[in-house]
Amino acid sequence: MSGHEQADGSSRLSAAHRTVDGVRVVTLHGEIDHTGKDVLRDALTQHEAGAPPRVVADLSGVSFMDSSGINVLIFAHQHLTDAQGWLRIAAPQEAVHRVLTLIGIDTVIDCHPTLEDALNT
C-alpha cells in the first residue's frame, strides 16, 4: 500500500461541483494519484448537451498530484476543447503548482492563482 492510499484501497479524492454563471466549478479535495484518477476524469468531463462545457478545476484542496492527475487534466482539456468548451485550473497549492509548471501544463491549460481569477478571465 502506498502512502497515498487508505487501508481499504479507496480513493482519497473527493469532488463536488456547482455552477457559477454558466461555468461548472469542480472543487477537489485530497490527493490525485492512480486511485483517484477516475474520480477526477468523471468530475471534469461530465457536461450536459447544448452549451459549450466550461469547467474550472478548483485545486485549492489538493495536496498531492502525480502523473495520473496530469494525464487526466490533459485528457479533460482535449475533451472539453473538442466540445467547443474549455478547462481552467484554479488555486493550486504550492506543491501541485510546482508539478504543473515543471511538466508545462500551465502553458497548455490556463492556470489561475484564485477561483475568482479563473471565473473572471
Protein backbone atom coordinates (compact mmCIF):
# COMPACT_ATOMS: atom_id res chain seq x y z
CA MET A 1 0.00 0.00 0.00
CA SER A 2 1.41 3.39 -0.95
CA GLY A 3 1.37 6.39 1.34
CA HIS A 4 -1.42 7.88 -0.77
CA GLU A 5 -3.99 5.11 -0.27
CA GLN A 6 -6.34 4.41 2.57
CA ALA A 7 -6.21 0.96 4.18
CA ASP A 8 -9.26 -0.17 2.19
CA GLY A 9 -7.64 0.96 -1.09
CA SER A 10 -10.33 3.56 -1.77
CA SER A 11 -9.57 6.89 -3.34
CA ARG A 12 -8.66 9.76 -1.07
CA LEU A 13 -10.00 12.24 -3.62
CA SER A 14 -13.44 13.79 -3.45
CA ALA A 15 -15.12 16.08 -5.96
CA ALA A 16 -18.03 18.45 -5.58
CA HIS A 17 -19.44 20.67 -8.27
CA ARG A 18 -21.61 23.72 -8.63
CA THR A 19 -22.42 26.12 -11.43
CA VAL A 20 -21.42 29.78 -11.29
CA ASP A 21 -22.63 31.97 -14.17
CA GLY A 22 -22.76 29.02 -16.55
CA VAL A 23 -19.33 27.70 -15.54
CA ARG A 24 -19.09 24.32 -13.83
CA VAL A 25 -16.78 24.65 -10.82
CA VAL A 26 -15.33 21.31 -9.71
CA THR A 27 -13.89 21.58 -6.21
CA LEU A 28 -11.43 18.79 -5.46
CA HIS A 29 -10.12 17.68 -2.07
CA GLY A 30 -7.46 15.12 -1.30
CA GLU A 31 -4.71 13.55 -3.35
CA ILE A 32 -4.76 12.93 -7.09
CA ASP A 33 -2.94 9.71 -7.90
CA HIS A 34 -3.80 6.47 -9.69
CA THR A 35 -6.54 5.67 -7.15
CA GLY A 36 -8.32 8.99 -7.75
CA LYS A 37 -7.88 9.45 -11.48
CA ASP A 38 -11.34 8.11 -12.36
CA VAL A 39 -12.98 10.47 -9.85
CA LEU A 40 -11.07 13.37 -11.44
CA ARG A 41 -11.85 12.34 -15.03
CA ASP A 42 -15.56 11.88 -14.35
CA ALA A 43 -15.80 15.17 -12.45
CA LEU A 44 -14.10 17.19 -15.17
CA THR A 45 -15.65 15.66 -18.29
CA GLN A 46 -19.32 15.40 -17.34
CA HIS A 47 -21.37 18.02 -19.11
CA GLU A 48 -24.84 18.47 -20.48
CA ALA A 49 -25.55 18.65 -24.18
CA GLY A 50 -26.20 22.10 -25.53
CA ALA A 51 -24.00 24.89 -24.28
CA PRO A 52 -20.23 24.50 -24.64
CA PRO A 53 -18.78 22.98 -21.46
CA ARG A 54 -16.81 25.47 -19.42
CA VAL A 55 -15.08 23.96 -16.39
CA VAL A 56 -12.87 25.33 -13.64
CA ALA A 57 -10.96 22.75 -11.59
CA ASP A 58 -10.52 24.24 -8.11
CA LEU A 59 -7.36 22.54 -6.81
CA SER A 60 -7.13 24.53 -3.57
CA GLY A 61 -7.93 21.38 -1.57
CA VAL A 62 -5.50 19.11 -3.44
CA SER A 63 -2.27 18.43 -1.55
CA PHE A 64 -0.65 15.95 -3.98
CA MET A 65 -0.78 15.16 -7.70
CA ASP A 66 1.22 12.64 -9.67
CA SER A 67 1.40 11.82 -13.39
CA SER A 68 -2.04 10.17 -13.24
CA GLY A 69 -3.58 13.55 -12.48
CA ILE A 70 -1.54 15.28 -15.18
CA ASN A 71 -2.74 12.75 -17.75
CA VAL A 72 -6.38 13.27 -16.72
CA LEU A 73 -6.03 17.06 -16.92
CA ILE A 74 -4.65 16.77 -20.46
CA PHE A 75 -7.44 14.33 -21.43
CA ALA A 76 -10.13 16.59 -19.93
CA HIS A 77 -8.66 19.67 -21.64
CA GLN A 78 -8.75 17.91 -25.03
CA HIS A 79 -12.24 16.51 -24.41
CA LEU A 80 -13.70 19.90 -23.43
CA THR A 81 -11.90 21.74 -26.24
CA ASP A 82 -13.27 19.23 -28.76
CA ALA A 83 -16.77 20.06 -27.42
CA GLN A 84 -16.08 23.80 -28.03
CA GLY A 85 -15.54 24.42 -24.31
CA TRP A 86 -12.56 24.93 -22.02
CA LEU A 87 -10.85 23.87 -18.82
CA ARG A 88 -9.16 26.23 -16.36
CA ILE A 89 -7.20 25.35 -13.24
CA ALA A 90 -7.67 27.47 -10.13
CA ALA A 91 -5.81 27.92 -6.85
CA PRO A 92 -3.32 25.04 -6.89
CA GLN A 93 -1.37 24.61 -3.66
CA GLU A 94 2.38 25.21 -3.94
CA ALA A 95 3.33 21.51 -4.29
CA VAL A 96 0.74 20.93 -7.02
CA HIS A 97 1.58 24.22 -8.75
CA ARG A 98 5.23 23.15 -8.85
CA VAL A 99 4.27 19.90 -10.62
CA LEU A 100 2.05 21.78 -13.11
CA THR A 101 4.84 24.20 -14.01
CA LEU A 102 7.60 21.57 -14.13
CA ILE A 103 5.57 19.49 -16.58
CA GLY A 104 4.44 22.58 -18.51
CA ILE A 105 0.71 22.08 -18.02
CA ASP A 106 0.38 25.79 -17.24
CA THR A 107 1.38 26.52 -20.86
CA VAL A 108 -1.44 24.30 -22.19
CA ILE A 109 -4.24 24.83 -19.66
CA ASP A 110 -4.94 28.26 -18.18
CA CYS A 111 -3.84 28.27 -14.51
CA HIS A 112 -5.03 30.96 -12.14
CA PRO A 113 -3.96 31.76 -8.55
CA THR A 114 -7.58 32.05 -7.31
CA LEU A 115 -11.00 30.69 -8.19
CA GLU A 116 -12.22 34.26 -8.69
CA ASP A 117 -9.48 34.91 -11.28
CA ALA A 118 -10.37 31.71 -13.15
CA LEU A 119 -14.05 32.64 -13.26
CA ASN A 120 -13.49 36.25 -14.32
CA THR A 121 -10.87 35.74 -17.04
